[in-house]
Amino acid sequence: MRRGKKPGDGAGKPAPSTLSYEEHRQKARHVALRLLAVRERSAVELRSRLRQKGFAPEVIVDVIDRLQETKLQDDGRFGSQFVEAATRRGMAARRIQAELRARGLSKEQVAEAATEDPDAELARARELAGRKAARMADLPLETRVRRLSGLLARKGFDPDTCRIVAKEAAGSPSLDPLVDRDLP
């Protein structure tokens, strides 16, 4: 005989709580600190994760406000660390800005964290494409250009940069002004 599921036994419903507000707040703070110990997070990310864990909205607001007061959570610091890591992975400023907006940072915080010199971004695109092109030497030219262009596009570089840098890295003769044929 199979027994029915009851709240709190894995049926997808939380068990009725007997914890006080203060105990909930302490538990939520502990969860938030564990999340922040792994990596810096935006306030929106923390709010979402705490909501997933089933904490009440007023507890979440209280915990995040307290973490921000004590400087344990800071969206500006999160933005800076995210930009640094994304830049190491070869992401373009456009993609970094989109990722930061998706993580809940304001337009001002995004602009402050992810502004970059266009020459530095072009150099990063060339370096990334050059590394990848070295592994594609045995592929046909059109395939190398297409794959490199796609890689750069996925990293968030603008279409003109993708096209030009992919052709450069692939060794396309179409960069030569004397060659009429231009690759896609």
N, C-alpha and C. Protein backbone atom coordinates (compact mmCIF):
# COMPACT_ATOMS: atom_id res chain seq x y z
N MET A 1 0.83 -1.18 0.00
CA MET A 1 0.00 0.00 0.00
C MET A 1 0.88 1.25 0.00
N ARG A 2 0.59 2.12 -0.94
CA ARG A 2 1.42 3.31 -1.11
C ARG A 2 0.76 4.51 -0.43
N ARG A 3 1.53 5.21 0.33
CA ARG A 3 0.98 6.36 1.05
C ARG A 3 1.14 7.62 0.21
N GLY A 4 0.25 8.54 0.38
CA GLY A 4 0.30 9.81 -0.34
C GLY A 4 1.42 10.70 0.19
N LYS A 5 1.85 11.59 -0.66
CA LYS A 5 2.91 12.51 -0.26
C LYS A 5 2.34 13.64 0.60
N LYS A 6 3.13 14.07 1.54
CA LYS A 6 2.72 15.14 2.43
C LYS A 6 3.63 16.35 2.19
N PRO A 7 3.16 17.54 2.50
CA PRO A 7 4.00 18.72 2.32
C PRO A 7 5.34 18.56 3.03
N GLY A 8 6.39 18.90 2.29
CA GLY A 8 7.72 18.85 2.88
C GLY A 8 8.43 17.54 2.69
N ASP A 9 7.82 16.55 2.06
CA ASP A 9 8.48 15.26 1.88
C ASP A 9 8.87 15.04 0.41
N GLY A 10 9.19 16.11 -0.30
CA GLY A 10 9.63 15.97 -1.68
C GLY A 10 8.50 16.12 -2.68
N ALA A 11 7.31 16.49 -2.23
CA ALA A 11 6.17 16.64 -3.13
C ALA A 11 6.18 17.98 -3.83
N GLY A 12 7.19 18.77 -3.62
CA GLY A 12 7.29 20.07 -4.26
C GLY A 12 6.69 21.19 -3.44
N LYS A 13 6.14 20.87 -2.28
CA LYS A 13 5.56 21.88 -1.40
C LYS A 13 6.44 22.00 -0.16
N PRO A 14 6.68 23.21 0.27
CA PRO A 14 7.50 23.35 1.48
C PRO A 14 6.73 22.88 2.70
N ALA A 15 7.48 22.38 3.65
CA ALA A 15 6.86 21.94 4.91
C ALA A 15 6.40 23.17 5.68
N PRO A 16 5.32 23.03 6.42
CA PRO A 16 4.90 24.16 7.24
C PRO A 16 6.04 24.51 8.20
N SER A 17 6.35 25.79 8.27
CA SER A 17 7.51 26.21 9.03
C SER A 17 7.16 26.54 10.47
N THR A 18 8.03 26.13 11.32
CA THR A 18 7.88 26.46 12.74
C THR A 18 8.99 27.42 13.17
N LEU A 19 9.79 27.88 12.19
CA LEU A 19 10.88 28.79 12.51
C LEU A 19 10.36 30.22 12.67
N SER A 20 11.00 30.97 13.52
CA SER A 20 10.65 32.38 13.69
C SER A 20 11.23 33.19 12.53
N TYR A 21 10.79 34.43 12.42
CA TYR A 21 11.31 35.32 11.38
C TYR A 21 12.83 35.45 11.49
N GLU A 22 13.31 35.63 12.71
CA GLU A 22 14.76 35.78 12.94
C GLU A 22 15.52 34.52 12.52
N GLU A 23 14.96 33.35 12.78
CA GLU A 23 15.61 32.10 12.38
C GLU A 23 15.62 31.97 10.85
N HIS A 24 14.53 32.37 10.20
CA HIS A 24 14.49 32.38 8.73
C HIS A 24 15.55 33.32 8.17
N ARG A 25 15.64 34.50 8.80
CA ARG A 25 16.62 35.50 8.33
C ARG A 25 18.04 34.97 8.49
N GLN A 26 18.33 34.33 9.60
CA GLN A 26 19.67 33.77 9.83
C GLN A 26 19.97 32.66 8.82
N LYS A 27 18.97 31.83 8.56
CA LYS A 27 19.16 30.75 7.60
C LYS A 27 19.40 31.32 6.19
N ALA A 28 18.62 32.32 5.80
CA ALA A 28 18.79 32.95 4.49
C ALA A 28 20.16 33.63 4.40
N ARG A 29 20.59 34.26 5.48
CA ARG A 29 21.90 34.91 5.49
C ARG A 29 23.01 33.87 5.31
N HIS A 30 22.86 32.75 5.98
CA HIS A 30 23.84 31.68 5.86
C HIS A 30 23.91 31.17 4.40
N VAL A 31 22.76 30.96 3.78
CA VAL A 31 22.72 30.52 2.38
C VAL A 31 23.38 31.56 1.48
N ALA A 32 23.05 32.84 1.69
CA ALA A 32 23.62 33.91 0.88
C ALA A 32 25.14 33.98 1.04
N LEU A 33 25.62 33.84 2.26
CA LEU A 33 27.07 33.88 2.49
C LEU A 33 27.78 32.70 1.82
N ARG A 34 27.14 31.53 1.84
CA ARG A 34 27.73 30.37 1.14
C ARG A 34 27.81 30.65 -0.36
N LEU A 35 26.77 31.25 -0.92
CA LEU A 35 26.78 31.57 -2.35
C LEU A 35 27.88 32.59 -2.66
N LEU A 36 28.03 33.59 -1.80
CA LEU A 36 29.06 34.61 -2.01
C LEU A 36 30.46 34.06 -1.78
N ALA A 37 30.58 33.00 -1.01
CA ALA A 37 31.89 32.40 -0.78
C ALA A 37 32.41 31.72 -2.04
N VAL A 38 31.49 31.26 -2.88
CA VAL A 38 31.89 30.60 -4.13
C VAL A 38 32.38 31.63 -5.13
N ARG A 39 31.58 32.69 -5.32
CA ARG A 39 31.96 33.77 -6.22
C ARG A 39 31.10 34.98 -5.92
N GLU A 40 31.57 36.13 -6.34
CA GLU A 40 30.79 37.36 -6.17
C GLU A 40 29.51 37.25 -6.99
N ARG A 41 28.41 37.77 -6.47
CA ARG A 41 27.12 37.71 -7.17
C ARG A 41 26.44 39.06 -7.09
N SER A 42 25.60 39.33 -8.09
CA SER A 42 24.81 40.56 -8.05
C SER A 42 23.66 40.38 -7.07
N ALA A 43 23.06 41.49 -6.67
CA ALA A 43 21.92 41.43 -5.77
C ALA A 43 20.76 40.67 -6.42
N VAL A 44 20.58 40.86 -7.71
CA VAL A 44 19.50 40.16 -8.42
C VAL A 44 19.74 38.65 -8.42
N GLU A 45 20.98 38.23 -8.64
CA GLU A 45 21.30 36.80 -8.60
C GLU A 45 21.03 36.22 -7.21
N LEU A 46 21.46 36.93 -6.17
CA LEU A 46 21.23 36.46 -4.81
C LEU A 46 19.73 36.37 -4.52
N ARG A 47 19.00 37.40 -4.92
CA ARG A 47 17.55 37.41 -4.68
C ARG A 47 16.90 36.19 -5.34
N SER A 48 17.30 35.92 -6.57
CA SER A 48 16.74 34.79 -7.31
C SER A 48 17.06 33.46 -6.64
N ARG A 49 18.31 33.29 -6.23
CA ARG A 49 18.71 32.03 -5.59
C ARG A 49 18.01 31.84 -4.25
N LEU A 50 17.85 32.91 -3.47
CA LEU A 50 17.16 32.80 -2.19
C LEU A 50 15.67 32.51 -2.40
N ARG A 51 15.09 33.09 -3.44
CA ARG A 51 13.69 32.82 -3.76
C ARG A 51 13.53 31.35 -4.13
N GLN A 52 14.49 30.80 -4.90
CA GLN A 52 14.45 29.38 -5.27
C GLN A 52 14.51 28.48 -4.04
N LYS A 53 15.20 28.95 -3.03
CA LYS A 53 15.32 28.16 -1.79
C LYS A 53 14.07 28.26 -0.92
N GLY A 54 13.11 29.11 -1.33
CA GLY A 54 11.84 29.18 -0.62
C GLY A 54 11.75 30.21 0.48
N PHE A 55 12.66 31.17 0.52
CA PHE A 55 12.60 32.20 1.56
C PHE A 55 11.57 33.25 1.19
N ALA A 56 10.97 33.84 2.19
CA ALA A 56 9.94 34.87 2.00
C ALA A 56 10.58 36.15 1.45
N PRO A 57 9.85 36.88 0.62
CA PRO A 57 10.39 38.11 0.02
C PRO A 57 10.92 39.12 1.04
N GLU A 58 10.21 39.29 2.17
CA GLU A 58 10.67 40.27 3.17
C GLU A 58 11.98 39.81 3.82
N VAL A 59 12.17 38.52 3.98
CA VAL A 59 13.42 37.98 4.53
C VAL A 59 14.55 38.23 3.53
N ILE A 60 14.27 37.99 2.26
CA ILE A 60 15.29 38.18 1.22
C ILE A 60 15.73 39.64 1.17
N VAL A 61 14.79 40.56 1.16
CA VAL A 61 15.11 41.99 1.12
C VAL A 61 15.95 42.37 2.34
N ASP A 62 15.55 41.90 3.49
CA ASP A 62 16.26 42.20 4.73
C ASP A 62 17.71 41.68 4.67
N VAL A 63 17.88 40.45 4.21
CA VAL A 63 19.22 39.84 4.16
C VAL A 63 20.11 40.57 3.15
N ILE A 64 19.58 40.84 1.97
CA ILE A 64 20.39 41.50 0.94
C ILE A 64 20.75 42.92 1.36
N ASP A 65 19.80 43.65 1.96
CA ASP A 65 20.10 44.99 2.46
C ASP A 65 21.23 44.95 3.48
N ARG A 66 21.16 44.00 4.39
CA ARG A 66 22.20 43.89 5.43
C ARG A 66 23.55 43.52 4.83
N LEU A 67 23.56 42.63 3.83
CA LEU A 67 24.82 42.26 3.17
C LEU A 67 25.43 43.46 2.45
N GLN A 68 24.57 44.29 1.86
CA GLN A 68 25.08 45.48 1.17
C GLN A 68 25.59 46.52 2.16
N GLU A 69 24.91 46.68 3.30
CA GLU A 69 25.36 47.61 4.33
C GLU A 69 26.75 47.23 4.84
N THR A 70 26.98 45.94 5.00
CA THR A 70 28.26 45.47 5.52
C THR A 70 29.29 45.22 4.42
N LYS A 71 28.94 45.60 3.20
CA LYS A 71 29.84 45.49 2.03
C LYS A 71 30.22 44.05 1.69
N LEU A 72 29.40 43.09 2.12
CA LEU A 72 29.65 41.70 1.75
C LEU A 72 29.12 41.41 0.35
N GLN A 73 28.15 42.23 -0.09
CA GLN A 73 27.64 42.15 -1.45
C GLN A 73 27.66 43.55 -2.03
N ASP A 74 28.27 43.67 -3.21
CA ASP A 74 28.40 44.97 -3.86
C ASP A 74 28.29 44.76 -5.37
N ASP A 75 27.28 45.36 -6.00
CA ASP A 75 27.09 45.18 -7.44
C ASP A 75 28.25 45.78 -8.24
N GLY A 76 28.84 46.86 -7.76
CA GLY A 76 29.99 47.46 -8.45
C GLY A 76 31.18 46.51 -8.45
N ARG A 77 31.44 45.90 -7.31
CA ARG A 77 32.54 44.94 -7.20
C ARG A 77 32.25 43.71 -8.06
N PHE A 78 30.99 43.25 -8.04
CA PHE A 78 30.60 42.13 -8.90
C PHE A 78 30.86 42.47 -10.36
N GLY A 79 30.45 43.66 -10.79
CA GLY A 79 30.63 44.07 -12.18
C GLY A 79 32.10 44.08 -12.59
N SER A 80 32.94 44.61 -11.73
CA SER A 80 34.38 44.66 -12.02
C SER A 80 34.97 43.27 -12.15
N GLN A 81 34.61 42.39 -11.22
CA GLN A 81 35.14 41.02 -11.28
C GLN A 81 34.61 40.27 -12.48
N PHE A 82 33.35 40.50 -12.82
CA PHE A 82 32.77 39.83 -13.99
C PHE A 82 33.46 40.30 -15.26
N VAL A 83 33.70 41.60 -15.38
CA VAL A 83 34.37 42.14 -16.57
C VAL A 83 35.76 41.55 -16.70
N GLU A 84 36.48 41.48 -15.61
CA GLU A 84 37.84 40.92 -15.63
C GLU A 84 37.84 39.47 -16.11
N ALA A 85 36.94 38.67 -15.56
CA ALA A 85 36.87 37.25 -15.94
C ALA A 85 36.41 37.09 -17.39
N ALA A 86 35.43 37.86 -17.80
CA ALA A 86 34.90 37.77 -19.17
C ALA A 86 35.95 38.23 -20.18
N THR A 87 36.72 39.21 -19.83
CA THR A 87 37.78 39.69 -20.72
C THR A 87 38.85 38.62 -20.89
N ARG A 88 39.18 37.92 -19.82
CA ARG A 88 40.14 36.82 -19.92
C ARG A 88 39.62 35.72 -20.83
N ARG A 89 38.29 35.51 -20.85
CA ARG A 89 37.69 34.49 -21.71
C ARG A 89 37.52 34.97 -23.14
N GLY A 90 37.88 36.22 -23.43
CA GLY A 90 37.84 36.72 -24.80
C GLY A 90 36.53 37.36 -25.20
N MET A 91 35.67 37.70 -24.26
CA MET A 91 34.39 38.32 -24.60
C MET A 91 34.58 39.77 -25.01
N ALA A 92 33.75 40.21 -25.93
CA ALA A 92 33.74 41.61 -26.36
C ALA A 92 32.94 42.44 -25.38
N ALA A 93 33.17 43.75 -25.39
CA ALA A 93 32.49 44.66 -24.48
C ALA A 93 30.98 44.60 -24.65
N ARG A 94 30.50 44.47 -25.89
CA ARG A 94 29.04 44.39 -26.13
C ARG A 94 28.44 43.19 -25.40
N ARG A 95 29.09 42.06 -25.50
CA ARG A 95 28.59 40.84 -24.85
C ARG A 95 28.66 40.96 -23.33
N ILE A 96 29.74 41.54 -22.84
CA ILE A 96 29.91 41.73 -21.40
C ILE A 96 28.80 42.62 -20.87
N GLN A 97 28.52 43.71 -21.58
CA GLN A 97 27.46 44.62 -21.15
C GLN A 97 26.11 43.92 -21.12
N ALA A 98 25.82 43.11 -22.13
CA ALA A 98 24.56 42.38 -22.16
C ALA A 98 24.46 41.40 -20.99
N GLU A 99 25.56 40.72 -20.69
CA GLU A 99 25.57 39.78 -19.57
C GLU A 99 25.35 40.50 -18.24
N LEU A 100 25.97 41.65 -18.07
CA LEU A 100 25.80 42.40 -16.82
C LEU A 100 24.36 42.90 -16.68
N ARG A 101 23.77 43.37 -17.77
CA ARG A 101 22.37 43.80 -17.71
C ARG A 101 21.46 42.62 -17.36
N ALA A 102 21.76 41.44 -17.92
CA ALA A 102 20.97 40.26 -17.62
C ALA A 102 21.11 39.85 -16.15
N ARG A 103 22.21 40.21 -15.53
CA ARG A 103 22.42 39.87 -14.12
C ARG A 103 21.92 40.97 -13.18
N GLY A 104 21.23 41.96 -13.75
CA GLY A 104 20.53 42.95 -12.93
C GLY A 104 21.27 44.22 -12.60
N LEU A 105 22.40 44.49 -13.22
CA LEU A 105 23.09 45.73 -12.95
C LEU A 105 22.43 46.88 -13.70
N SER A 106 22.47 48.07 -13.13
CA SER A 106 21.87 49.24 -13.76
C SER A 106 22.72 49.67 -14.96
N LYS A 107 22.13 50.51 -15.81
CA LYS A 107 22.85 50.99 -17.00
C LYS A 107 24.12 51.74 -16.60
N GLU A 108 24.04 52.50 -15.52
CA GLU A 108 25.21 53.25 -15.06
C GLU A 108 26.33 52.31 -14.59
N GLN A 109 25.94 51.28 -13.84
CA GLN A 109 26.94 50.31 -13.37
C GLN A 109 27.55 49.55 -14.53
N VAL A 110 26.73 49.21 -15.53
CA VAL A 110 27.22 48.48 -16.70
C VAL A 110 28.19 49.36 -17.48
N ALA A 111 27.82 50.61 -17.69
CA ALA A 111 28.69 51.53 -18.44
C ALA A 111 30.01 51.75 -17.71
N GLU A 112 29.94 51.87 -16.41
CA GLU A 112 31.15 52.08 -15.62
C GLU A 112 32.07 50.86 -15.65
N ALA A 113 31.49 49.68 -15.58
CA ALA A 113 32.27 48.45 -15.48
C ALA A 113 32.81 47.99 -16.83
N ALA A 114 32.06 48.17 -17.90
CA ALA A 114 32.40 47.52 -19.17
C ALA A 114 32.69 48.48 -20.31
N THR A 115 33.38 49.56 -20.05
CA THR A 115 33.82 50.41 -21.14
C THR A 115 35.25 50.03 -21.48
N GLU A 116 35.51 49.93 -22.77
CA GLU A 116 36.83 49.48 -23.19
C GLU A 116 37.27 50.24 -24.43
N ASP A 117 38.56 50.41 -24.55
CA ASP A 117 39.15 51.04 -25.71
C ASP A 117 38.94 50.15 -26.93
N PRO A 118 38.42 50.70 -28.04
CA PRO A 118 38.18 49.88 -29.23
C PRO A 118 39.45 49.20 -29.76
N ASP A 119 40.60 49.85 -29.61
CA ASP A 119 41.85 49.23 -30.07
C ASP A 119 42.19 47.99 -29.24
N ALA A 120 41.93 48.06 -27.93
CA ALA A 120 42.20 46.91 -27.07
C ALA A 120 41.25 45.76 -27.42
N GLU A 121 40.01 46.09 -27.73
CA GLU A 121 39.05 45.05 -28.10
C GLU A 121 39.44 44.40 -29.43
N LEU A 122 39.87 45.20 -30.39
CA LEU A 122 40.32 44.66 -31.67
C LEU A 122 41.54 43.76 -31.47
N ALA A 123 42.44 44.17 -30.61
CA ALA A 123 43.63 43.35 -30.33
C ALA A 123 43.22 42.03 -29.69
N ARG A 124 42.23 42.06 -28.79
CA ARG A 124 41.76 40.83 -28.16
C ARG A 124 41.11 39.90 -29.18
N ALA A 125 40.35 40.47 -30.11
CA ALA A 125 39.72 39.67 -31.17
C ALA A 125 40.79 39.02 -32.05
N ARG A 126 41.82 39.78 -32.38
CA ARG A 126 42.91 39.23 -33.22
C ARG A 126 43.65 38.12 -32.48
N GLU A 127 43.88 38.32 -31.20
CA GLU A 127 44.61 37.31 -30.43
C GLU A 127 43.79 36.02 -30.34
N LEU A 128 42.51 36.14 -30.07
CA LEU A 128 41.64 34.98 -29.96
C LEU A 128 41.55 34.25 -31.30
N ALA A 129 41.32 34.99 -32.37
CA ALA A 129 41.20 34.38 -33.70
C ALA A 129 42.52 33.75 -34.12
N GLY A 130 43.63 34.38 -33.78
CA GLY A 130 44.94 33.83 -34.14
C GLY A 130 45.20 32.50 -33.45
N ARG A 131 44.83 32.41 -32.17
CA ARG A 131 44.99 31.15 -31.45
C ARG A 131 44.16 30.04 -32.08
N LYS A 132 42.91 30.34 -32.41
CA LYS A 132 42.02 29.33 -32.98
C LYS A 132 42.43 28.97 -34.41
N ALA A 133 42.89 29.94 -35.17
CA ALA A 133 43.26 29.70 -36.56
C ALA A 133 44.43 28.74 -36.66
N ALA A 134 45.31 28.77 -35.69
CA ALA A 134 46.47 27.87 -35.71
C ALA A 134 46.04 26.41 -35.70
N ARG A 135 44.89 26.12 -35.09
CA ARG A 135 44.40 24.74 -35.03
C ARG A 135 43.58 24.36 -36.26
N MET A 136 43.35 25.32 -37.15
CA MET A 136 42.51 25.06 -38.32
C MET A 136 43.29 25.08 -39.63
N ALA A 137 44.58 24.98 -39.55
CA ALA A 137 45.42 25.13 -40.74
C ALA A 137 45.09 24.13 -41.83
N ASP A 138 44.62 22.96 -41.49
CA ASP A 138 44.35 21.93 -42.50
C ASP A 138 42.96 22.06 -43.12
N LEU A 139 42.15 23.00 -42.68
CA LEU A 139 40.80 23.18 -43.23
C LEU A 139 40.83 24.13 -44.43
N PRO A 140 39.85 24.02 -45.32
CA PRO A 140 39.77 24.95 -46.44
C PRO A 140 39.60 26.39 -45.95
N LEU A 141 40.04 27.34 -46.74
CA LEU A 141 40.02 28.75 -46.37
C LEU A 141 38.61 29.22 -46.00
N GLU A 142 37.63 28.89 -46.80
CA GLU A 142 36.26 29.34 -46.53
C GLU A 142 35.76 28.81 -45.19
N THR A 143 36.11 27.58 -44.87
CA THR A 143 35.70 26.98 -43.60
C THR A 143 36.37 27.69 -42.44
N ARG A 144 37.66 27.98 -42.58
CA ARG A 144 38.38 28.69 -41.51
C ARG A 144 37.75 30.06 -41.26
N VAL A 145 37.47 30.79 -42.34
CA VAL A 145 36.89 32.13 -42.20
C VAL A 145 35.51 32.03 -41.54
N ARG A 146 34.68 31.11 -41.99
CA ARG A 146 33.34 30.95 -41.44
C ARG A 146 33.38 30.60 -39.96
N ARG A 147 34.22 29.66 -39.59
CA ARG A 147 34.30 29.24 -38.18
C ARG A 147 34.87 30.34 -37.28
N LEU A 148 35.89 31.01 -37.75
CA LEU A 148 36.47 32.10 -36.96
C LEU A 148 35.48 33.24 -36.80
N SER A 149 34.77 33.55 -37.87
CA SER A 149 33.78 34.62 -37.81
C SER A 149 32.67 34.26 -36.82
N GLY A 150 32.21 33.01 -36.84
CA GLY A 150 31.19 32.56 -35.90
C GLY A 150 31.68 32.61 -34.45
N LEU A 151 32.92 32.21 -34.24
CA LEU A 151 33.50 32.26 -32.89
C LEU A 151 33.50 33.69 -32.37
N LEU A 152 33.97 34.61 -33.18
CA LEU A 152 34.03 36.00 -32.76
C LEU A 152 32.63 36.58 -32.52
N ALA A 153 31.69 36.20 -33.36
CA ALA A 153 30.31 36.67 -33.18
C ALA A 153 29.73 36.16 -31.86
N ARG A 154 29.99 34.90 -31.53
CA ARG A 154 29.49 34.35 -30.26
C ARG A 154 30.12 35.05 -29.06
N LYS A 155 31.33 35.54 -29.23
CA LYS A 155 32.00 36.26 -28.14
C LYS A 155 31.50 37.70 -28.03
N GLY A 156 30.68 38.14 -29.01
CA GLY A 156 30.07 39.46 -28.92
C GLY A 156 30.73 40.56 -29.73
N PHE A 157 31.67 40.22 -30.59
CA PHE A 157 32.30 41.25 -31.42
C PHE A 157 31.34 41.67 -32.52
N ASP A 158 31.45 42.94 -32.95
CA ASP A 158 30.53 43.43 -33.96
C ASP A 158 30.82 42.75 -35.30
N PRO A 159 29.85 42.72 -36.21
CA PRO A 159 29.98 41.98 -37.47
C PRO A 159 31.18 42.39 -38.33
N ASP A 160 31.47 43.68 -38.40
CA ASP A 160 32.63 44.13 -39.20
C ASP A 160 33.93 43.60 -38.62
N THR A 161 34.07 43.67 -37.32
CA THR A 161 35.27 43.15 -36.67
C THR A 161 35.39 41.64 -36.92
N CYS A 162 34.27 40.93 -36.79
CA CYS A 162 34.28 39.48 -37.02
C CYS A 162 34.78 39.16 -38.42
N ARG A 163 34.23 39.84 -39.40
CA ARG A 163 34.59 39.56 -40.79
C ARG A 163 36.06 39.88 -41.06
N ILE A 164 36.50 41.04 -40.66
CA ILE A 164 37.87 41.47 -40.95
C ILE A 164 38.90 40.60 -40.21
N VAL A 165 38.68 40.41 -38.92
CA VAL A 165 39.64 39.65 -38.11
C VAL A 165 39.66 38.18 -38.53
N ALA A 166 38.50 37.62 -38.85
CA ALA A 166 38.46 36.22 -39.30
C ALA A 166 39.25 36.05 -40.59
N LYS A 167 39.10 36.97 -41.51
CA LYS A 167 39.86 36.89 -42.78
C LYS A 167 41.35 37.04 -42.53
N GLU A 168 41.71 37.96 -41.66
CA GLU A 168 43.13 38.15 -41.33
C GLU A 168 43.72 36.87 -40.74
N ALA A 169 43.05 36.33 -39.75
CA ALA A 169 43.56 35.17 -39.04
C ALA A 169 43.60 33.93 -39.92
N ALA A 170 42.64 33.82 -40.83
CA ALA A 170 42.59 32.65 -41.71
C ALA A 170 43.60 32.76 -42.85
N GLY A 171 44.18 33.94 -43.00
CA GLY A 171 45.15 34.14 -44.08
C GLY A 171 44.48 34.30 -45.43
N SER A 172 43.34 34.94 -45.43
CA SER A 172 42.58 35.12 -46.67
C SER A 172 43.27 36.08 -47.61
N PRO A 173 43.43 35.68 -48.88
CA PRO A 173 44.03 36.61 -49.84
C PRO A 173 43.08 37.75 -50.19
N SER A 174 41.81 37.65 -49.79
CA SER A 174 40.86 38.70 -50.14
C SER A 174 41.12 39.98 -49.38
N LEU A 175 42.02 39.95 -48.39
CA LEU A 175 42.39 41.18 -47.71
C LEU A 175 43.34 42.01 -48.56
N ASP A 176 43.92 41.38 -49.54
CA ASP A 176 44.80 42.07 -50.47
C ASP A 176 43.95 42.88 -51.43
N PRO A 177 44.16 44.19 -51.56
CA PRO A 177 43.33 45.01 -52.43
C PRO A 177 43.44 44.62 -53.91
N LEU A 178 44.47 43.86 -54.28
CA LEU A 178 44.62 43.46 -55.68
C LEU A 178 43.77 42.25 -56.02
N VAL A 179 43.22 41.57 -55.00
CA VAL A 179 42.40 40.40 -55.23
C VAL A 179 40.94 40.83 -55.30
N ASP A 180 40.25 40.47 -56.40
CA ASP A 180 38.86 40.89 -56.58
C ASP A 180 37.89 40.07 -55.74
N ARG A 181 38.13 38.77 -55.62
CA ARG A 181 37.19 37.89 -54.93
C ARG A 181 37.21 38.16 -53.42
N ASP A 182 36.01 38.35 -52.87
CA ASP A 182 35.91 38.57 -51.44
C ASP A 182 35.13 37.41 -50.80
N LEU A 183 35.68 36.86 -49.75
CA LEU A 183 35.01 35.75 -49.06
C LEU A 183 33.89 36.29 -48.18
N PRO A 184 32.90 35.47 -47.91
CA PRO A 184 31.79 35.91 -47.04
C PRO A 184 32.26 36.23 -45.65
